[in-house]
PDB file of N, CA and C in Angstrom:
ATOM      1  N   UNK A   1       0.723  -1.062   0.163  1.00  0.00           N
ATOM      2  CA  UNK A   1       0.313   0.046   0.511  1.00  0.00           C
ATOM      3  C   UNK A   1       1.145   1.034  -0.197  1.00  0.00           C
ATOM      4  N   UNK A   2      -0.136   2.372  -0.605  1.00  0.00           N
ATOM      5  CA  UNK A   2       0.927   3.577  -0.456  1.00  0.00           C
ATOM      6  C   UNK A   2       0.922   4.318   0.813  1.00  0.00           C
ATOM      7  N   UNK A   3       2.146   4.792   0.638  1.00  0.00           N
ATOM      8  CA  UNK A   3       2.642   5.682   1.455  1.00  0.00           C
ATOM      9  C   UNK A   3       1.483   6.260   1.644  1.00  0.00           C
ATOM     10  N   UNK A   4       1.251   7.329   2.516  1.00  0.00           N
ATOM     11  CA  UNK A   4      -0.001   8.730   2.260  1.00  0.00           C
ATOM     12  C   UNK A   4       1.531  10.201   1.798  1.00  0.00           C
ATOM     13  N   UNK A   5       1.366  10.531   1.175  1.00  0.00           N
ATOM     14  CA  UNK A   5       2.530  11.783   0.744  1.00  0.00           C
ATOM     15  C   UNK A   5       1.697  12.833   2.568  1.00  0.00           C
ATOM     16  N   UNK A   6       2.719  14.303   2.800  1.00  0.00           N
ATOM     17  CA  UNK A   6       2.651  13.910   3.515  1.00  0.00           C
ATOM     18  C   UNK A   6       2.748  16.208   2.860  1.00  0.00           C
ATOM     19  N   UNK A   7       2.006  16.945   3.496  1.00  0.00           N
ATOM     20  CA  UNK A   7       1.636  18.150   2.801  1.00  0.00           C
ATOM     21  C   UNK A   7       1.850  19.184   3.831  1.00  0.00           C
ATOM     22  N   UNK A   8       1.901  20.233   3.457  1.00  0.00           N
ATOM     23  CA  UNK A   8       1.757  21.942   4.381  1.00  0.00           C
ATOM     24  C   UNK A   8       0.611  21.718   4.969  1.00  0.00           C
ATOM     25  N   UNK A   9      -0.218  20.936   4.901  1.00  0.00           N
ATOM     26  CA  UNK A   9      -0.996  20.817   5.615  1.00  0.00           C
ATOM     27  C   UNK A   9      -2.225  19.785   7.194  1.00  0.00           C
ATOM     28  N   UNK A  10      -1.920  20.264   7.656  1.00  0.00           N
ATOM     29  CA  UNK A  10      -1.351  19.504   8.814  1.00  0.00           C
ATOM     30  C   UNK A  10      -2.629  19.450   9.945  1.00  0.00           C
ATOM     31  N   UNK A  11      -3.658  19.593  10.682  1.00  0.00           N
ATOM     32  CA  UNK A  11      -3.832  18.437  10.470  1.00  0.00           C
ATOM     33  C   UNK A  11      -4.686  18.602   9.066  1.00  0.00           C
ATOM     34  N   UNK A  12      -4.773  16.852   7.554  1.00  0.00           N
ATOM     35  CA  UNK A  12      -4.734  17.185   6.910  1.00  0.00           C
ATOM     36  C   UNK A  12      -7.160  17.334   6.449  1.00  0.00           C
ATOM     37  N   UNK A  13      -7.290  17.503   5.518  1.00  0.00           N
ATOM     38  CA  UNK A  13      -8.572  18.579   5.346  1.00  0.00           C
ATOM     39  C   UNK A  13      -9.283  17.757   5.296  1.00  0.00           C
ATOM     40  N   UNK A  14      -8.869  16.211   4.656  1.00  0.00           N
ATOM     41  CA  UNK A  14      -9.936  15.512   4.704  1.00  0.00           C
ATOM     42  C   UNK A  14      -9.888  15.906   6.487  1.00  0.00           C
ATOM     43  N   UNK A  15      -9.587  14.871   7.196  1.00  0.00           N
ATOM     44  CA  UNK A  15      -9.599  14.973   9.155  1.00  0.00           C
ATOM     45  C   UNK A  15     -11.004  16.051   9.439  1.00  0.00           C
ATOM     46  N   UNK A  16     -10.865  17.359   8.641  1.00  0.00           N
ATOM     47  CA  UNK A  16     -11.055  17.948   9.040  1.00  0.00           C
ATOM     48  C   UNK A  16     -12.644  18.714   8.707  1.00  0.00           C
ATOM     49  N   UNK A  17     -12.824  17.975   7.490  1.00  0.00           N
ATOM     50  CA  UNK A  17     -14.173  18.127   7.095  1.00  0.00           C
ATOM     51  C   UNK A  17     -14.420  17.038   7.452  1.00  0.00           C
ATOM     52  N   UNK A  18     -13.888  16.026   8.026  1.00  0.00           N
ATOM     53  CA  UNK A  18     -14.940  14.664   8.877  1.00  0.00           C
ATOM     54  C   UNK A  18     -15.467  15.503   9.750  1.00  0.00           C
ATOM     55  N   UNK A  19     -16.002  16.208  10.535  1.00  0.00           N
ATOM     56  CA  UNK A  19     -15.604  16.827  11.665  1.00  0.00           C
ATOM     57  C   UNK A  19     -16.549  18.591  11.675  1.00  0.00           C
ATOM     58  N   UNK A  20     -16.792  18.724  10.139  1.00  0.00           N
ATOM     59  CA  UNK A  20     -17.687  19.698  10.082  1.00  0.00           C
ATOM     60  C   UNK A  20     -18.469  18.795   9.412  1.00  0.00           C
ATOM     61  N   UNK A  21     -19.734  19.992   8.677  1.00  0.00           N
ATOM     62  CA  UNK A  21     -20.626  19.261   7.671  1.00  0.00           C
ATOM     63  C   UNK A  21     -20.945  19.565   6.186  1.00  0.00           C
ATOM     64  N   UNK A  22     -19.795  20.567   6.389  1.00  0.00           N
ATOM     65  CA  UNK A  22     -19.400  21.362   4.807  1.00  0.00           C
ATOM     66  C   UNK A  22     -18.485  22.541   5.223  1.00  0.00           C
ATOM     67  N   UNK A  23     -17.765  22.920   4.294  1.00  0.00           N
ATOM     68  CA  UNK A  23     -16.770  23.645   4.461  1.00  0.00           C
ATOM     69  C   UNK A  23     -16.918  25.071   4.186  1.00  0.00           C
ATOM     70  N   UNK A  24     -17.947  25.395   3.944  1.00  0.00           N
ATOM     71  CA  UNK A  24     -18.312  26.592   4.538  1.00  0.00           C
ATOM     72  C   UNK A  24     -19.056  26.608   6.496  1.00  0.00           C
ATOM     73  N   UNK A  25     -18.778  25.608   6.981  1.00  0.00           N
ATOM     74  CA  UNK A  25     -18.780  25.792   8.368  1.00  0.00           C
ATOM     75  C   UNK A  25     -17.271  25.352   8.633  1.00  0.00           C
ATOM     76  N   UNK A  26     -16.340  24.552   7.867  1.00  0.00           N
ATOM     77  CA  UNK A  26     -14.835  24.728   8.328  1.00  0.00           C
ATOM     78  C   UNK A  26     -14.248  26.173   8.689  1.00  0.00           C
ATOM     79  N   UNK A  27     -14.807  26.989   7.747  1.00  0.00           N
ATOM     80  CA  UNK A  27     -14.365  28.305   7.176  1.00  0.00           C
ATOM     81  C   UNK A  27     -15.128  28.895   7.744  1.00  0.00           C
ATOM     82  N   UNK A  28     -15.881  29.561   8.301  1.00  0.00           N
ATOM     83  CA  UNK A  28     -16.470  30.393   9.440  1.00  0.00           C
ATOM     84  C   UNK A  28     -16.088  29.880  11.070  1.00  0.00           C
ATOM     85  N   UNK A  29     -16.640  28.601  11.400  1.00  0.00           N
ATOM     86  CA  UNK A  29     -16.166  28.281  12.304  1.00  0.00           C
ATOM     87  C   UNK A  29     -14.141  28.195  13.049  1.00  0.00           C
ATOM     88  N   UNK A  30     -13.479  28.207  11.946  1.00  0.00           N
ATOM     89  CA  UNK A  30     -11.864  28.471  11.649  1.00  0.00           C
ATOM     90  C   UNK A  30     -11.728  29.919  12.305  1.00  0.00           C
ATOM     91  N   UNK A  31     -12.124  30.544  11.052  1.00  0.00           N
ATOM     92  CA  UNK A  31     -11.801  32.158  11.313  1.00  0.00           C
ATOM     93  C   UNK A  31     -12.411  32.726  12.398  1.00  0.00           C
ATOM     94  N   UNK A  32     -13.501  32.117  13.360  1.00  0.00           N
ATOM     95  CA  UNK A  32     -13.268  32.890  14.922  1.00  0.00           C
ATOM     96  C   UNK A  32     -12.955  32.918  15.508  1.00  0.00           C
ATOM     97  N   UNK A  33     -13.359  31.296  15.999  1.00  0.00           N
ATOM     98  CA  UNK A  33     -11.743  30.491  15.898  1.00  0.00           C
ATOM     99  C   UNK A  33     -10.503  30.840  16.691  1.00  0.00           C
ATOM    100  N   UNK A  34      -9.730  31.348  16.184  1.00  0.00           N
ATOM    101  CA  UNK A  34      -8.677  31.582  15.280  1.00  0.00           C
ATOM    102  C   UNK A  34      -8.547  33.502  15.661  1.00  0.00           C
ATOM    103  N   UNK A  35      -9.961  33.580  15.868  1.00  0.00           N
ATOM    104  CA  UNK A  35      -9.926  35.467  16.704  1.00  0.00           C
ATOM    105  C   UNK A  35      -9.881  35.646  17.581  1.00  0.00           C
ATOM    106  N   UNK A  36     -10.627  34.574  18.108  1.00  0.00           N
ATOM    107  CA  UNK A  36     -10.472  34.228  19.438  1.00  0.00           C
ATOM    108  C   UNK A  36      -9.445  33.745  20.359  1.00  0.00           C
ATOM    109  N   UNK A  37      -8.474  32.668  19.461  1.00  0.00           N
ATOM    110  CA  UNK A  37      -7.014  32.467  19.837  1.00  0.00           C
ATOM    111  C   UNK A  37      -6.282  34.197  19.788  1.00  0.00           C
ATOM    112  N   UNK A  38      -7.049  34.978  19.305  1.00  0.00           N
ATOM    113  CA  UNK A  38      -5.511  35.961  19.115  1.00  0.00           C
ATOM    114  C   UNK A  38      -6.335  36.520  19.426  1.00  0.00           C
ATOM    115  N   UNK A  39      -7.182  37.346  19.980  1.00  0.00           N
ATOM    116  CA  UNK A  39      -7.288  37.654  21.420  1.00  0.00           C
ATOM    117  C   UNK A  39      -6.567  37.431  22.095  1.00  0.00           C
ATOM    118  N   UNK A  40      -7.387  36.427  23.043  1.00  0.00           N
ATOM    119  CA  UNK A  40      -6.360  35.538  23.851  1.00  0.00           C
ATOM    120  C   UNK A  40      -5.128  35.987  24.155  1.00  0.00           C
ATOM    121  N   UNK A  41      -3.862  35.414  23.107  1.00  0.00           N
ATOM    122  CA  UNK A  41      -2.853  36.028  23.242  1.00  0.00           C
ATOM    123  C   UNK A  41      -2.210  37.799  23.269  1.00  0.00           C
ATOM    124  N   UNK A  42      -3.397  38.715  23.076  1.00  0.00           N
ATOM    125  CA  UNK A  42      -3.285  39.997  23.347  1.00  0.00           C
ATOM    126  C   UNK A  42      -3.584  39.894  24.035  1.00  0.00           C
ATOM    127  N   UNK A  43      -4.781  39.528  24.781  1.00  0.00           N
ATOM    128  CA  UNK A  43      -4.771  40.638  26.202  1.00  0.00           C
ATOM    129  C   UNK A  43      -3.454  39.473  27.405  1.00  0.00           C
ATOM    130  N   UNK A  44      -2.573  38.573  26.576  1.00  0.00           N
ATOM    131  CA  UNK A  44      -2.360  37.397  28.473  1.00  0.00           C
ATOM    132  C   UNK A  44      -1.890  38.605  28.826  1.00  0.00           C
ATOM    133  N   UNK A  45      -0.613  39.036  29.071  1.00  0.00           N
ATOM    134  CA  UNK A  45      -0.177  40.871  29.770  1.00  0.00           C
ATOM    135  C   UNK A  45      -1.441  41.644  30.767  1.00  0.00           C
ATOM    136  N   UNK A  46      -2.174  41.733  30.082  1.00  0.00           N
ATOM    137  CA  UNK A  46      -3.304  42.404  30.795  1.00  0.00           C
ATOM    138  C   UNK A  46      -4.315  41.470  32.366  1.00  0.00           C
ATOM    139  N   UNK A  47      -3.922  40.523  31.717  1.00  0.00           N
ATOM    140  CA  UNK A  47      -4.637  40.126  33.119  1.00  0.00           C
ATOM    141  C   UNK A  47      -6.032  39.933  33.237  1.00  0.00           C
ATOM    142  N   UNK A  48      -6.747  40.125  32.381  1.00  0.00           N
ATOM    143  CA  UNK A  48      -7.937  40.766  32.192  1.00  0.00           C
ATOM    144  C   UNK A  48      -8.355  39.030  31.953  1.00  0.00           C
ATOM    145  N   UNK A  49      -7.920  37.630  30.994  1.00  0.00           N
ATOM    146  CA  UNK A  49      -8.439  36.254  31.291  1.00  0.00           C
ATOM    147  C   UNK A  49     -10.036  36.053  30.965  1.00  0.00           C
ATOM    148  N   UNK A  50     -10.085  36.997  30.653  1.00  0.00           N
ATOM    149  CA  UNK A  50     -12.583  36.668  30.448  1.00  0.00           C
ATOM    150  C   UNK A  50     -12.603  35.366  28.662  1.00  0.00           C
ATOM    151  N   UNK A  51     -11.420  35.386  27.592  1.00  0.00           N
ATOM    152  CA  UNK A  51     -11.266  34.535  26.713  1.00  0.00           C
ATOM    153  C   UNK A  51     -10.185  32.873  26.792  1.00  0.00           C
ATOM    154  N   UNK A  52     -11.332  31.782  26.168  1.00  0.00           N
ATOM    155  CA  UNK A  52     -10.414  31.152  26.452  1.00  0.00           C
ATOM    156  C   UNK A  52      -9.270  30.348  26.098  1.00  0.00           C
ATOM    157  N   UNK A  53      -8.588  29.402  26.903  1.00  0.00           N
ATOM    158  CA  UNK A  53      -7.045  29.841  25.891  1.00  0.00           C
ATOM    159  C   UNK A  53      -6.987  28.973  25.068  1.00  0.00           C
ATOM    160  N   UNK A  54      -6.528  27.983  24.301  1.00  0.00           N
ATOM    161  CA  UNK A  54      -6.358  27.434  23.020  1.00  0.00           C
ATOM    162  C   UNK A  54      -6.198  25.947  24.245  1.00  0.00           C
ATOM    163  N   UNK A  55      -7.434  25.034  23.149  1.00  0.00           N
ATOM    164  CA  UNK A  55      -7.521  23.818  24.445  1.00  0.00           C
ATOM    165  C   UNK A  55      -6.758  22.393  23.908  1.00  0.00           C
ATOM    166  N   UNK A  56      -5.434  22.205  22.907  1.00  0.00           N
ATOM    167  CA  UNK A  56      -4.043  21.336  22.146  1.00  0.00           C
ATOM    168  C   UNK A  56      -3.499  22.345  22.359  1.00  0.00           C
ATOM    169  N   UNK A  57      -2.558  21.064  23.306  1.00  0.00           N
ATOM    170  CA  UNK A  57      -0.956  21.347  23.215  1.00  0.00           C
ATOM    171  C   UNK A  57      -0.199  21.044  21.590  1.00  0.00           C
ATOM    172  N   UNK A  58      -0.074  22.832  21.424  1.00  0.00           N
ATOM    173  CA  UNK A  58       0.473  23.043  19.987  1.00  0.00           C
ATOM    174  C   UNK A  58       2.127  23.624  19.721  1.00  0.00           C
ATOM    175  N   UNK A  59       2.366  23.128  18.577  1.00  0.00           N
ATOM    176  CA  UNK A  59       3.796  23.379  18.260  1.00  0.00           C
ATOM    177  C   UNK A  59       3.677  24.871  17.757  1.00  0.00           C
ATOM    178  N   UNK A  60       2.681  25.062  17.363  1.00  0.00           N
ATOM    179  CA  UNK A  60       2.019  25.925  15.939  1.00  0.00           C
ATOM    180  C   UNK A  60       2.050  27.509  16.164  1.00  0.00           C
ATOM    181  N   UNK A  61       2.465  28.614  14.670  1.00  0.00           N
ATOM    182  CA  UNK A  61       2.399  30.174  16.296  1.00  0.00           C
ATOM    183  C   UNK A  61       0.730  30.754  15.836  1.00  0.00           C
ATOM    184  N   UNK A  62       0.783  30.598  14.747  1.00  0.00           N
ATOM    185  CA  UNK A  62      -0.252  31.074  14.195  1.00  0.00           C
ATOM    186  C   UNK A  62      -2.510  30.608  14.917  1.00  0.00           C
ATOM    187  N   UNK A  63      -3.058  31.715  15.196  1.00  0.00           N
ATOM    188  CA  UNK A  63      -3.464  31.894  15.925  1.00  0.00           C
ATOM    189  C   UNK A  63      -4.270  30.543  15.044  1.00  0.00           C
ATOM    190  N   UNK A  64      -4.765  30.399  13.837  1.00  0.00           N
ATOM    191  CA  UNK A  64      -5.772  30.304  12.854  1.00  0.00           C
ATOM    192  C   UNK A  64      -5.160  28.359  12.787  1.00  0.00           C
ATOM    193  N   UNK A  65      -3.663  28.067  12.760  1.00  0.00           N
ATOM    194  CA  UNK A  65      -3.121  26.439  13.036  1.00  0.00           C
ATOM    195  C   UNK A  65      -3.446  26.195  13.782  1.00  0.00           C
ATOM    196  N   UNK A  66      -4.142  26.339  15.220  1.00  0.00           N
ATOM    197  CA  UNK A  66      -4.347  26.309  16.758  1.00  0.00           C
ATOM    198  C   UNK A  66      -5.694  26.280  16.779  1.00  0.00           C
ATOM    199  N   UNK A  67      -6.783  26.897  15.341  1.00  0.00           N
ATOM    200  CA  UNK A  67      -7.819  26.782  15.050  1.00  0.00           C
ATOM    201  C   UNK A  67      -7.595  25.032  14.873  1.00  0.00           C
ATOM    202  N   UNK A  68      -7.314  25.187  13.652  1.00  0.00           N
ATOM    203  CA  UNK A  68      -7.175  24.546  13.132  1.00  0.00           C
ATOM    204  C   UNK A  68      -6.923  22.952  13.837  1.00  0.00           C
ATOM    205  N   UNK A  69      -6.183  22.469  15.165  1.00  0.00           N
ATOM    206  CA  UNK A  69      -5.553  21.992  15.664  1.00  0.00           C
ATOM    207  C   UNK A  69      -7.365  21.988  16.848  1.00  0.00           C
ATOM    208  N   UNK A  70      -7.544  21.893  17.098  1.00  0.00           N
ATOM    209  CA  UNK A  70      -8.952  22.710  17.765  1.00  0.00           C
ATOM    210  C   UNK A  70      -9.675  21.819  17.258  1.00  0.00           C
ATOM    211  N   UNK A  71     -10.165  22.268  16.143  1.00  0.00           N
ATOM    212  CA  UNK A  71     -11.239  21.297  15.316  1.00  0.00           C
ATOM    213  C   UNK A  71     -11.099  19.965  15.305  1.00  0.00           C
ATOM    214  N   UNK A  72     -10.063  19.674  14.528  1.00  0.00           N
ATOM    215  CA  UNK A  72      -9.617  18.262  14.434  1.00  0.00           C
ATOM    216  C   UNK A  72      -9.394  17.601  15.314  1.00  0.00           C
ATOM    217  N   UNK A  73      -8.375  17.696  17.196  1.00  0.00           N
ATOM    218  CA  UNK A  73      -9.090  17.622  17.962  1.00  0.00           C
ATOM    219  C   UNK A  73     -10.151  17.016  18.455  1.00  0.00           C
ATOM    220  N   UNK A  74     -11.225  17.487  17.964  1.00  0.00           N
ATOM    221  CA  UNK A  74     -12.969  17.800  18.552  1.00  0.00           C
ATOM    222  C   UNK A  74     -12.956  18.664  20.312  1.00  0.00           C
ATOM    223  N   UNK A  75     -12.595  19.869  20.325  1.00  0.00           N
ATOM    224  CA  UNK A  75     -12.268  20.425  21.001  1.00  0.00           C
ATOM    225  C   UNK A  75     -13.153  21.287  20.879  1.00  0.00           C
ATOM    226  N   UNK A  76     -13.725  21.506  19.293  1.00  0.00           N
ATOM    227  CA  UNK A  76     -13.923  22.781  18.868  1.00  0.00           C
ATOM    228  C   UNK A  76     -15.301  22.747  18.380  1.00  0.00           C
ATOM    229  N   UNK A  77     -17.001  23.516  18.163  1.00  0.00           N
ATOM    230  CA  UNK A  77     -17.427  22.553  17.629  1.00  0.00           C
ATOM    231  C   UNK A  77     -18.725  23.638  17.256  1.00  0.00           C
ATOM    232  N   UNK A  78     -19.008  23.137  15.900  1.00  0.00           N
ATOM    233  CA  UNK A  78     -19.894  24.340  15.509  1.00  0.00           C
ATOM    234  C   UNK A  78     -21.352  24.902  15.960  1.00  0.00           C
ATOM    235  N   UNK A  79     -22.086  25.373  16.359  1.00  0.00           N
ATOM    236  CA  UNK A  79     -23.290  25.012  17.857  1.00  0.00           C
ATOM    237  C   UNK A  79     -24.373  26.467  17.142  1.00  0.00           C
ATOM    238  N   UNK A  80     -25.385  25.789  15.848  1.00  0.00           N
ATOM    239  CA  UNK A  80     -26.387  26.360  14.895  1.00  0.00           C
ATOM    240  C   UNK A  80     -27.832  27.234  16.250  1.00  0.00           C
ATOM    241  N   UNK A  81     -27.413  28.689  16.113  1.00  0.00           N
ATOM    242  CA  UNK A  81     -29.008  29.367  17.118  1.00  0.00           C
ATOM    243  C   UNK A  81     -30.096  28.186  16.626  1.00  0.00           C
ATOM    244  N   UNK A  82     -31.104  28.317  17.705  1.00  0.00           N
ATOM    245  CA  UNK A  82     -32.431  27.565  17.351  1.00  0.00           C
ATOM    246  C   UNK A  82     -33.077  28.719  16.690  1.00  0.00           C
ATOM    247  N   UNK A  83     -34.095  28.844  15.205  1.00  0.00           N
ATOM    248  CA  UNK A  83     -34.888  29.593  14.234  1.00  0.00           C
ATOM    249  C   UNK A  83     -36.445  29.136  15.295  1.00  0.00           C
ATOM    250  N   UNK A  84     -37.881  30.238  15.542  1.00  0.00           N
ATOM    251  CA  UNK A  84     -38.718  29.901  15.725  1.00  0.00           C
ATOM    252  C   UNK A  84     -39.264  29.904  14.227  1.00  0.00           C
ATOM    253  N   UNK A  85     -39.546  28.799  13.958  1.00  0.00           N
ATOM    254  CA  UNK A  85     -40.463  28.583  12.990  1.00  0.00           C
ATOM    255  C   UNK A  85     -42.206  28.436  12.834  1.00  0.00           C
ATOM    256  N   UNK A  86     -42.405  29.773  12.399  1.00  0.00           N
ATOM    257  CA  UNK A  86     -44.060  29.531  12.100  1.00  0.00           C
ATOM    258  C   UNK A  86     -45.015  27.773  12.766  1.00  0.00           C
ATOM    259  N   UNK A  87     -45.756  28.214  13.385  1.00  0.00           N
ATOM    260  CA  UNK A  87     -46.495  26.689  12.889  1.00  0.00           C
ATOM    261  C   UNK A  87     -46.701  26.104  12.355  1.00  0.00           C
ATOM    262  N   UNK A  88     -47.802  25.459  11.160  1.00  0.00           N
ATOM    263  CA  UNK A  88     -48.634  25.107  10.529  1.00  0.00           C
ATOM    264  C   UNK A  88     -50.063  25.624  10.375  1.00  0.00           C
ATOM    265  N   UNK A  89     -50.671  26.208  12.006  1.00  0.00           N
ATOM    266  CA  UNK A  89     -51.728  26.289  11.801  1.00  0.00           C
ATOM    267  C   UNK A  89     -51.621  27.303  12.399  1.00  0.00           C
ATOM    268  N   UNK A  90     -50.820  28.756  12.406  1.00  0.00           N
ATOM    269  CA  UNK A  90     -50.970  30.593  12.726  1.00  0.00           C
ATOM    270  C   UNK A  90     -49.848  30.554  11.325  1.00  0.00           C
ATOM    271  N   UNK A  91     -49.474  30.022  10.416  1.00  0.00           N
ATOM    272  CA  UNK A  91     -49.477  29.977   8.387  1.00  0.00           C
ATOM    273  C   UNK A  91     -50.353  30.757   8.352  1.00  0.00           C
ATOM    274  N   UNK A  92     -49.861  32.337   7.064  1.00  0.00           N
ATOM    275  CA  UNK A  92     -51.304  33.355   7.144  1.00  0.00           C
ATOM    276  C   UNK A  92     -52.270  34.400   7.578  1.00  0.00           C
ATOM    277  N   UNK A  93     -51.961  33.704   9.352  1.00  0.00           N
ATOM    278  CA  UNK A  93     -53.330  34.729   9.524  1.00  0.00           C
ATOM    279  C   UNK A  93     -52.160  35.711  10.405  1.00  0.00           C
ATOM    280  N   UNK A  94     -52.900  36.697  10.681  1.00  0.00           N
ATOM    281  CA  UNK A  94     -51.674  37.825  11.185  1.00  0.00           C
ATOM    282  C   UNK A  94     -51.398  37.464  12.592  1.00  0.00           C
ATOM    283  N   UNK A  95     -50.356  38.768  12.501  1.00  0.00           N
ATOM    284  CA  UNK A  95     -50.157  38.180  13.727  1.00  0.00           C
ATOM    285  C   UNK A  95     -50.731  39.232  15.080  1.00  0.00           C
ATOM    286  N   UNK A  96     -50.731  38.258  16.424  1.00  0.00           N
ATOM    287  CA  UNK A  96     -50.546  39.882  16.584  1.00  0.00           C
ATOM    288  C   UNK A  96     -49.973  39.461  18.143  1.00  0.00           C
ATOM    289  N   UNK A  97     -50.368  40.749  18.223  1.00  0.00           N
ATOM    290  CA  UNK A  97     -48.866  42.036  19.924  1.00  0.00           C
ATOM    291  C   UNK A  97     -49.738  41.758  21.149  1.00  0.00           C
ATOM    292  N   UNK A  98     -49.730  41.789  23.196  1.00  0.00           N
ATOM    293  CA  UNK A  98     -50.104  41.988  23.780  1.00  0.00           C
ATOM    294  C   UNK A  98     -49.906  43.822  23.640  1.00  0.00           C
ATOM    295  N   UNK A  99     -50.386  44.604  24.054  1.00  0.00           N
ATOM    296  CA  UNK A  99     -50.174  45.761  24.410  1.00  0.00           C
ATOM    297  C   UNK A  99     -49.821  45.944  25.936  1.00  0.00           C
ATOM    298  N   UNK A 100     -49.244  47.189  26.628  1.00  0.00           N
ATOM    299  CA  UNK A 100     -49.037  46.865  27.635  1.00  0.00           C
ATOM    300  C   UNK A 100     -50.494  47.404  28.398  1.00  0.00           C
ATOM    301  N   UNK A 101     -51.260  48.092  27.603  1.00  0.00           N
ATOM    302  CA  UNK A 101     -52.229  48.427  28.573  1.00  0.00           C
ATOM    303  C   UNK A 101     -53.985  47.134  28.756  1.00  0.00           C
ATOM    304  N   UNK A 102     -53.136  45.970  28.151  1.00  0.00           N
ATOM    305  CA  UNK A 102     -54.520  45.436  28.427  1.00  0.00           C
ATOM    306  C   UNK A 102     -55.505  44.779  26.706  1.00  0.00           C
ATOM    307  N   UNK A 103     -55.031  45.828  26.174  1.00  0.00           N
ATOM    308  CA  UNK A 103     -55.366  45.672  24.831  1.00  0.00           C
ATOM    309  C   UNK A 103     -54.651  44.715  23.376  1.00  0.00           C
ATOM    310  N   UNK A 104     -55.127  44.706  22.090  1.00  0.00           N
ATOM    311  CA  UNK A 104     -54.518  43.584  21.051  1.00  0.00           C
ATOM    312  C   UNK A 104     -54.334  44.716  20.139  1.00  0.00           C
ATOM    313  N   UNK A 105     -53.047  44.723  19.130  1.00  0.00           N
ATOM    314  CA  UNK A 105     -52.018  44.932  18.588  1.00  0.00           C
ATOM    315  C   UNK A 105     -52.280  44.029  16.817  1.00  0.00           C
ATOM    316  N   UNK A 106     -52.285  44.398  16.198  1.00  0.00           N
ATOM    317  CA  UNK A 106     -52.534  43.596  14.916  1.00  0.00           C
ATOM    318  C   UNK A 106     -51.488  43.747  14.437  1.00  0.00           C
TER     319      UNK A 106
END
């Protein structure tokens, strides 16, 4: 069996794509986490401690590389907000809001 050739990307893109549902999610997640890691290293001297430090031991110095290693290790995952969808009963009906005086507004 042929030995896999080494690439510049470590962790391999295939491993990263197995951890997320799409390339878009991977790029968005890595970018957001990379900015968080960068902010963490920027605020170290200030003693704020409000940002989560890197979750993996890494020899990489660049925030994006650290973020990709965290994704490959499963330490960072994408969580999408839940959106409210109109139920089938209220679809097409006007929405009514309660007014502070007890009345209704449409």
